[in-house]
Amino acid sequence: LREACGRPDMEVPSPSYTLVQFYEGRTADGTVLP
């Protein structure tokens, strides 16, 4: 997730209790990738 979002220090909580977390990543060509 940190790599896909281009944010190496991004906080990534475990979704163990929320069950799902959503992120906005990018493909290799820069296209937005949910």
All heavy atoms as atom14 arrays in JSON, in Angstrom:
{
  "sequence": "LREACGRPDMEVPSPSYTLVQFYEGRTADGTVLP",
  "atom14_mask": [
    [1, 1, 1, 1, 1, 1, 1, 1, 0, 0, 0, 0, 0, 0],
    [1, 1, 1, 1, 1, 1, 1, 1, 1, 1, 1, 0, 0, 0],
    [1, 1, 1, 1, 1, 1, 1, 1, 1, 0, 0, 0, 0, 0],
    [1, 1, 1, 1, 1, 0, 0, 0, 0, 0, 0, 0, 0, 0],
    [1, 1, 1, 1, 1, 1, 0, 0, 0, 0, 0, 0, 0, 0],
    [1, 1, 1, 1, 0, 0, 0, 0, 0, 0, 0, 0, 0, 0],
    [1, 1, 1, 1, 1, 1, 1, 1, 1, 1, 1, 0, 0, 0],
    [1, 1, 1, 1, 1, 1, 1, 0, 0, 0, 0, 0, 0, 0],
    [1, 1, 1, 1, 1, 1, 1, 1, 0, 0, 0, 0, 0, 0],
    [1, 1, 1, 1, 1, 1, 1, 1, 0, 0, 0, 0, 0, 0],
    [1, 1, 1, 1, 1, 1, 1, 1, 1, 0, 0, 0, 0, 0],
    [1, 1, 1, 1, 1, 1, 1, 0, 0, 0, 0, 0, 0, 0],
    [1, 1, 1, 1, 1, 1, 1, 0, 0, 0, 0, 0, 0, 0],
    [1, 1, 1, 1, 1, 1, 0, 0, 0, 0, 0, 0, 0, 0],
    [1, 1, 1, 1, 1, 1, 1, 0, 0, 0, 0, 0, 0, 0],
    [1, 1, 1, 1, 1, 1, 0, 0, 0, 0, 0, 0, 0, 0],
    [1, 1, 1, 1, 1, 1, 1, 1, 1, 1, 1, 1, 0, 0],
    [1, 1, 1, 1, 1, 1, 1, 0, 0, 0, 0, 0, 0, 0],
    [1, 1, 1, 1, 1, 1, 1, 1, 0, 0, 0, 0, 0, 0],
    [1, 1, 1, 1, 1, 1, 1, 0, 0, 0, 0, 0, 0, 0],
    [1, 1, 1, 1, 1, 1, 1, 1, 1, 0, 0, 0, 0, 0],
    [1, 1, 1, 1, 1, 1, 1, 1, 1, 1, 1, 0, 0, 0],
    [1, 1, 1, 1, 1, 1, 1, 1, 1, 1, 1, 1, 0, 0],
    [1, 1, 1, 1, 1, 1, 1, 1, 1, 0, 0, 0, 0, 0],
    [1, 1, 1, 1, 0, 0, 0, 0, 0, 0, 0, 0, 0, 0],
    [1, 1, 1, 1, 1, 1, 1, 1, 1, 1, 1, 0, 0, 0],
    [1, 1, 1, 1, 1, 1, 1, 0, 0, 0, 0, 0, 0, 0],
    [1, 1, 1, 1, 1, 0, 0, 0, 0, 0, 0, 0, 0, 0],
    [1, 1, 1, 1, 1, 1, 1, 1, 0, 0, 0, 0, 0, 0],
    [1, 1, 1, 1, 0, 0, 0, 0, 0, 0, 0, 0, 0, 0],
    [1, 1, 1, 1, 1, 1, 1, 0, 0, 0, 0, 0, 0, 0],
    [1, 1, 1, 1, 1, 1, 1, 0, 0, 0, 0, 0, 0, 0],
    [1, 1, 1, 1, 1, 1, 1, 1, 0, 0, 0, 0, 0, 0],
    [1, 1, 1, 1, 1, 1, 1, 0, 0, 0, 0, 0, 0, 0]
  ],
  "atom14_positions": [
    [[0.82, -1.22, 0.0], [0.0, 0.0, 0.0], [0.85, 1.26, 0.0], [0.55, 2.22, -0.72], [-0.95, -0.01, 1.2], [-2.08, -1.03, 1.08], [-2.72, -1.3, 2.44], [-3.11, -0.57, 0.06], [0.0, 0.0, 0.0], [0.0, 0.0, 0.0], [0.0, 0.0, 0.0], [0.0, 0.0, 0.0], [0.0, 0.0, 0.0], [0.0, 0.0, 0.0]],
    [[1.92, 1.28, 0.78], [2.8, 2.46, 0.8], [3.41, 2.7, -0.58], [3.49, 3.83, -1.05], [3.88, 2.28, 1.85], [3.34, 2.4, 3.26], [4.39, 2.08, 4.31], [3.83, 2.3, 5.64], [4.12, 1.55, 6.7], [4.98, 0.53, 6.59], [3.55, 1.8, 7.86], [0.0, 0.0, 0.0], [0.0, 0.0, 0.0], [0.0, 0.0, 0.0]],
    [[3.83, 1.63, -1.23], [4.41, 1.76, -2.57], [3.36, 2.2, -3.58], [3.6, 3.1, -4.39], [5.02, 0.42, -3.0], [5.67, 0.44, -4.37], [7.01, 1.15, -4.4], [7.61, 1.42, -3.34], [7.47, 1.46, -5.52], [0.0, 0.0, 0.0], [0.0, 0.0, 0.0], [0.0, 0.0, 0.0], [0.0, 0.0, 0.0], [0.0, 0.0, 0.0]],
    [[2.19, 1.58, -3.56], [1.14, 1.9, -4.52], [0.64, 3.32, -4.36], [0.23, 3.95, -5.34], [-0.03, 0.92, -4.37], [0.0, 0.0, 0.0], [0.0, 0.0, 0.0], [0.0, 0.0, 0.0], [0.0, 0.0, 0.0], [0.0, 0.0, 0.0], [0.0, 0.0, 0.0], [0.0, 0.0, 0.0], [0.0, 0.0, 0.0], [0.0, 0.0, 0.0]],
    [[0.69, 3.84, -3.15], [0.22, 5.21, -2.89], [1.35, 6.23, -2.99], [1.12, 7.44, -2.89], [-0.43, 5.28, -1.51], [-1.96, 4.32, -1.39], [0.0, 0.0, 0.0], [0.0, 0.0, 0.0], [0.0, 0.0, 0.0], [0.0, 0.0, 0.0], [0.0, 0.0, 0.0], [0.0, 0.0, 0.0], [0.0, 0.0, 0.0], [0.0, 0.0, 0.0]],
    [[2.59, 5.75, -3.2], [3.73, 6.66, -3.33], [4.06, 7.38, -2.04], [4.6, 8.49, -2.07], [0.0, 0.0, 0.0], [0.0, 0.0, 0.0], [0.0, 0.0, 0.0], [0.0, 0.0, 0.0], [0.0, 0.0, 0.0], [0.0, 0.0, 0.0], [0.0, 0.0, 0.0], [0.0, 0.0, 0.0], [0.0, 0.0, 0.0], [0.0, 0.0, 0.0]],
    [[3.75, 6.75, -0.9], [3.97, 7.38, 0.39], [4.66, 6.39, 1.33], [4.0, 5.68, 2.07], [2.65, 7.86, 0.97], [1.99, 8.92, 0.11], [0.64, 9.36, 0.62], [0.71, 9.75, 2.03], [-0.35, 9.73, 2.84], [-1.53, 9.33, 2.41], [-0.22, 10.1, 4.09], [0.0, 0.0, 0.0], [0.0, 0.0, 0.0], [0.0, 0.0, 0.0]],
    [[5.99, 6.33, 1.3], [6.71, 5.33, 2.08], [6.5, 5.39, 3.58], [6.67, 4.39, 4.28], [8.18, 5.56, 1.73], [8.24, 6.73, 0.84], [6.86, 7.17, 0.52], [0.0, 0.0, 0.0], [0.0, 0.0, 0.0], [0.0, 0.0, 0.0], [0.0, 0.0, 0.0], [0.0, 0.0, 0.0], [0.0, 0.0, 0.0], [0.0, 0.0, 0.0]],
    [[6.12, 6.56, 4.11], [5.91, 6.7, 5.56], [4.43, 6.73, 5.93], [4.09, 7.05, 7.08], [6.59, 7.97, 6.06], [8.1, 7.92, 5.87], [8.67, 6.82, 5.97], [8.71, 8.98, 5.61], [0.0, 0.0, 0.0], [0.0, 0.0, 0.0], [0.0, 0.0, 0.0], [0.0, 0.0, 0.0], [0.0, 0.0, 0.0], [0.0, 0.0, 0.0]],
    [[3.56, 6.39, 4.99], [2.12, 6.46, 5.24], [1.71, 5.52, 6.37], [2.16, 4.38, 6.45], [1.37, 6.08, 3.96], [-0.13, 6.07, 4.09], [-0.97, 5.75, 2.51], [-0.64, 4.01, 2.27], [0.0, 0.0, 0.0], [0.0, 0.0, 0.0], [0.0, 0.0, 0.0], [0.0, 0.0, 0.0], [0.0, 0.0, 0.0], [0.0, 0.0, 0.0]],
    [[0.85, 6.02, 7.25], [0.28, 5.19, 8.31], [-0.71, 4.23, 7.66], [-1.6, 4.64, 6.93], [-0.45, 6.07, 9.34], [-1.05, 5.31, 10.48], [-0.01, 4.68, 11.4], [1.13, 5.19, 11.48], [-0.34, 3.67, 12.03], [0.0, 0.0, 0.0], [0.0, 0.0, 0.0], [0.0, 0.0, 0.0], [0.0, 0.0, 0.0], [0.0, 0.0, 0.0]],
    [[-0.53, 2.94, 7.9], [-1.41, 1.91, 7.34], [-1.92, 1.06, 8.5], [-1.29, 0.09, 8.9], [-0.68, 1.03, 6.31], [-1.62, -0.03, 5.74], [-0.1, 1.87, 5.18], [0.0, 0.0, 0.0], [0.0, 0.0, 0.0], [0.0, 0.0, 0.0], [0.0, 0.0, 0.0], [0.0, 0.0, 0.0], [0.0, 0.0, 0.0], [0.0, 0.0, 0.0]],
    [[-3.08, 1.45, 9.05], [-3.61, 0.66, 10.17], [-4.12, -0.69, 9.69], [-4.59, -0.82, 8.56], [-4.75, 1.53, 10.7], [-5.18, 2.36, 9.53], [-3.93, 2.57, 8.7], [0.0, 0.0, 0.0], [0.0, 0.0, 0.0], [0.0, 0.0, 0.0], [0.0, 0.0, 0.0], [0.0, 0.0, 0.0], [0.0, 0.0, 0.0], [0.0, 0.0, 0.0]],
    [[-4.03, -1.67, 10.55], [-4.6, -2.98, 10.22], [-6.12, -2.85, 10.22], [-6.7, -2.29, 11.15], [-4.17, -4.02, 11.25], [-4.89, -5.22, 11.03], [0.0, 0.0, 0.0], [0.0, 0.0, 0.0], [0.0, 0.0, 0.0], [0.0, 0.0, 0.0], [0.0, 0.0, 0.0], [0.0, 0.0, 0.0], [0.0, 0.0, 0.0], [0.0, 0.0, 0.0]],
    [[-6.79, -3.37, 9.19], [-8.25, -3.3, 9.18], [-8.91, -4.45, 9.95], [-10.06, -4.8, 9.68], [-8.57, -3.36, 7.69], [-7.45, -4.12, 7.08], [-6.24, -3.82, 7.93], [0.0, 0.0, 0.0], [0.0, 0.0, 0.0], [0.0, 0.0, 0.0], [0.0, 0.0, 0.0], [0.0, 0.0, 0.0], [0.0, 0.0, 0.0], [0.0, 0.0, 0.0]],
    [[-8.22, -5.01, 10.94], [-8.77, -6.14, 11.69], [-10.12, -5.82, 12.33], [-10.99, -6.67, 12.4], [-7.82, -6.61, 12.79], [-6.68, -7.18, 12.2], [0.0, 0.0, 0.0], [0.0, 0.0, 0.0], [0.0, 0.0, 0.0], [0.0, 0.0, 0.0], [0.0, 0.0, 0.0], [0.0, 0.0, 0.0], [0.0, 0.0, 0.0], [0.0, 0.0, 0.0]],
    [[-10.29, -4.59, 12.79], [-11.55, -4.24, 13.46], [-12.49, -3.44, 12.59], [-13.7, -3.53, 12.74], [-11.26, -3.54, 14.8], [-10.61, -4.51, 15.74], [-9.24, -4.54, 15.91], [-11.38, -5.46, 16.4], [-8.64, -5.48, 16.74], [-10.79, -6.41, 17.23], [-9.43, -6.4, 17.39], [-8.85, -7.35, 18.2], [0.0, 0.0, 0.0], [0.0, 0.0, 0.0]],
    [[-11.96, -2.68, 11.65], [-12.83, -1.94, 10.72], [-13.24, -2.84, 9.56], [-14.16, -2.51, 8.82], [-12.11, -0.69, 10.17], [-10.92, -1.1, 9.48], [-11.78, 0.28, 11.28], [0.0, 0.0, 0.0], [0.0, 0.0, 0.0], [0.0, 0.0, 0.0], [0.0, 0.0, 0.0], [0.0, 0.0, 0.0], [0.0, 0.0, 0.0], [0.0, 0.0, 0.0]],
    [[-12.53, -3.92, 9.35], [-12.73, -4.93, 8.3], [-12.25, -4.48, 6.93], [-11.86, -5.31, 6.12], [-14.18, -5.41, 8.22], [-14.74, -6.02, 9.51], [-16.19, -6.4, 9.32], [-13.93, -7.22, 9.93], [0.0, 0.0, 0.0], [0.0, 0.0, 0.0], [0.0, 0.0, 0.0], [0.0, 0.0, 0.0], [0.0, 0.0, 0.0], [0.0, 0.0, 0.0]],
    [[-12.29, -3.19, 6.63], [-11.82, -2.71, 5.33], [-11.32, -1.27, 5.47], [-11.89, -0.48, 6.21], [-12.9, -2.84, 4.23], [-14.11, -1.96, 4.53], [-12.35, -2.53, 2.85], [0.0, 0.0, 0.0], [0.0, 0.0, 0.0], [0.0, 0.0, 0.0], [0.0, 0.0, 0.0], [0.0, 0.0, 0.0], [0.0, 0.0, 0.0], [0.0, 0.0, 0.0]],
    [[-10.24, -0.98, 4.78], [-9.69, 0.38, 4.67], [-9.53, 0.68, 3.19], [-9.15, -0.2, 2.41], [-8.32, 0.48, 5.35], [-8.33, 0.27, 6.83], [-8.81, 1.48, 7.6], [-8.88, 2.59, 7.1], [-9.19, 1.26, 8.84], [0.0, 0.0, 0.0], [0.0, 0.0, 0.0], [0.0, 0.0, 0.0], [0.0, 0.0, 0.0], [0.0, 0.0, 0.0]],
    [[-9.77, 1.93, 2.8], [-9.69, 2.32, 1.4], [-8.52, 3.28, 1.18], [-8.25, 4.15, 2.01], [-11.0, 2.98, 0.94], [-12.18, 2.04, 1.01], [-12.99, 2.0, 2.13], [-12.43, 1.17, -0.03], [-14.06, 1.12, 2.2], [-13.5, 0.28, 0.03], [-14.32, 0.27, 1.15], [0.0, 0.0, 0.0], [0.0, 0.0, 0.0], [0.0, 0.0, 0.0]],
    [[-7.84, 3.12, 0.04], [-6.67, 3.92, -0.3], [-6.77, 4.36, -1.76], [-7.44, 3.7, -2.57], [-5.38, 3.1, -0.12], [-5.2, 2.66, 1.31], [-5.73, 1.46, 1.77], [-4.52, 3.46, 2.22], [-5.59, 1.06, 3.09], [-4.36, 3.07, 3.55], [-4.92, 1.88, 3.96], [-4.78, 1.49, 5.27], [0.0, 0.0, 0.0], [0.0, 0.0, 0.0]],
    [[-6.04, 5.42, -2.08], [-5.95, 5.87, -3.47], [-4.51, 5.67, -3.93], [-3.61, 6.42, -3.55], [-6.34, 7.34, -3.61], [-6.41, 7.79, -5.05], [-6.93, 9.21, -5.19], [-8.13, 9.4, -4.98], [-6.11, 10.1, -5.49], [0.0, 0.0, 0.0], [0.0, 0.0, 0.0], [0.0, 0.0, 0.0], [0.0, 0.0, 0.0], [0.0, 0.0, 0.0]],
    [[-4.32, 4.62, -4.7], [-3.0, 4.33, -5.24], [-2.89, 4.83, -6.67], [-3.78, 5.53, -7.18], [0.0, 0.0, 0.0], [0.0, 0.0, 0.0], [0.0, 0.0, 0.0], [0.0, 0.0, 0.0], [0.0, 0.0, 0.0], [0.0, 0.0, 0.0], [0.0, 0.0, 0.0], [0.0, 0.0, 0.0], [0.0, 0.0, 0.0], [0.0, 0.0, 0.0]],
    [[-1.81, 4.47, -7.31], [-1.59, 4.83, -8.72], [-0.94, 3.64, -9.42], [-0.14, 2.92, -8.83], [-0.66, 6.03, -8.83], [-1.2, 7.26, -8.15], [-1.2, 8.44, -9.08], [-1.8, 9.59, -8.44], [-2.9, 10.17, -8.88], [-3.48, 9.74, -9.96], [-3.4, 11.21, -8.27], [0.0, 0.0, 0.0], [0.0, 0.0, 0.0], [0.0, 0.0, 0.0]],
    [[-1.3, 3.46, -10.68], [-0.66, 2.43, -11.49], [0.71, 2.95, -11.91], [1.05, 4.12, -11.69], [-1.48, 2.1, -12.74], [-1.59, 3.28, -13.54], [-2.86, 1.59, -12.38], [0.0, 0.0, 0.0], [0.0, 0.0, 0.0], [0.0, 0.0, 0.0], [0.0, 0.0, 0.0], [0.0, 0.0, 0.0], [0.0, 0.0, 0.0], [0.0, 0.0, 0.0]],
    [[1.49, 2.11, -12.57], [2.83, 2.5, -13.02], [2.78, 3.69, -13.97], [3.71, 4.49, -14.01], [3.52, 1.31, -13.69], [0.0, 0.0, 0.0], [0.0, 0.0, 0.0], [0.0, 0.0, 0.0], [0.0, 0.0, 0.0], [0.0, 0.0, 0.0], [0.0, 0.0, 0.0], [0.0, 0.0, 0.0], [0.0, 0.0, 0.0], [0.0, 0.0, 0.0]],
    [[1.66, 3.83, -14.72], [1.57, 4.97, -15.65], [0.9, 6.19, -15.02], [0.62, 7.18, -15.7], [0.84, 4.56, -16.94], [-0.63, 4.25, -16.74], [-1.15, 4.41, -15.62], [-1.28, 3.86, -17.73], [0.0, 0.0, 0.0], [0.0, 0.0, 0.0], [0.0, 0.0, 0.0], [0.0, 0.0, 0.0], [0.0, 0.0, 0.0], [0.0, 0.0, 0.0]],
    [[0.62, 6.15, -13.71], [0.07, 7.3, -13.01], [-1.44, 7.35, -12.9], [-1.99, 8.28, -12.31], [0.0, 0.0, 0.0], [0.0, 0.0, 0.0], [0.0, 0.0, 0.0], [0.0, 0.0, 0.0], [0.0, 0.0, 0.0], [0.0, 0.0, 0.0], [0.0, 0.0, 0.0], [0.0, 0.0, 0.0], [0.0, 0.0, 0.0], [0.0, 0.0, 0.0]],
    [[-2.14, 6.37, -13.45], [-3.6, 6.32, -13.36], [-4.02, 6.08, -11.91], [-3.43, 5.25, -11.22], [-4.15, 5.19, -14.25], [-3.69, 5.39, -15.59], [-5.67, 5.14, -14.22], [0.0, 0.0, 0.0], [0.0, 0.0, 0.0], [0.0, 0.0, 0.0], [0.0, 0.0, 0.0], [0.0, 0.0, 0.0], [0.0, 0.0, 0.0], [0.0, 0.0, 0.0]],
    [[-5.05, 6.81, -11.46], [-5.57, 6.61, -10.11], [-6.09, 5.18, -9.98], [-6.76, 4.67, -10.87], [-6.69, 7.63, -9.79], [-7.36, 7.31, -8.46], [-6.13, 9.05, -9.77], [0.0, 0.0, 0.0], [0.0, 0.0, 0.0], [0.0, 0.0, 0.0], [0.0, 0.0, 0.0], [0.0, 0.0, 0.0], [0.0, 0.0, 0.0], [0.0, 0.0, 0.0]],
    [[-5.75, 4.56, -8.87], [-6.1, 3.16, -8.64], [-6.66, 3.0, -7.23], [-5.91, 2.98, -6.25], [-4.85, 2.29, -8.81], [-5.04, 0.79, -8.69], [-5.93, 0.26, -9.82], [-3.68, 0.09, -8.75], [0.0, 0.0, 0.0], [0.0, 0.0, 0.0], [0.0, 0.0, 0.0], [0.0, 0.0, 0.0], [0.0, 0.0, 0.0], [0.0, 0.0, 0.0]],
    [[-7.99, 2.9, -7.09], [-8.55, 2.66, -5.75], [-8.15, 1.28, -5.26], [-8.19, 0.31, -6.02], [-10.06, 2.74, -5.97], [-10.28, 3.2, -7.37], [-9.01, 2.99, -8.12], [0.0, 0.0, 0.0], [0.0, 0.0, 0.0], [0.0, 0.0, 0.0], [0.0, 0.0, 0.0], [0.0, 0.0, 0.0], [0.0, 0.0, 0.0], [0.0, 0.0, 0.0]]
  ]
}
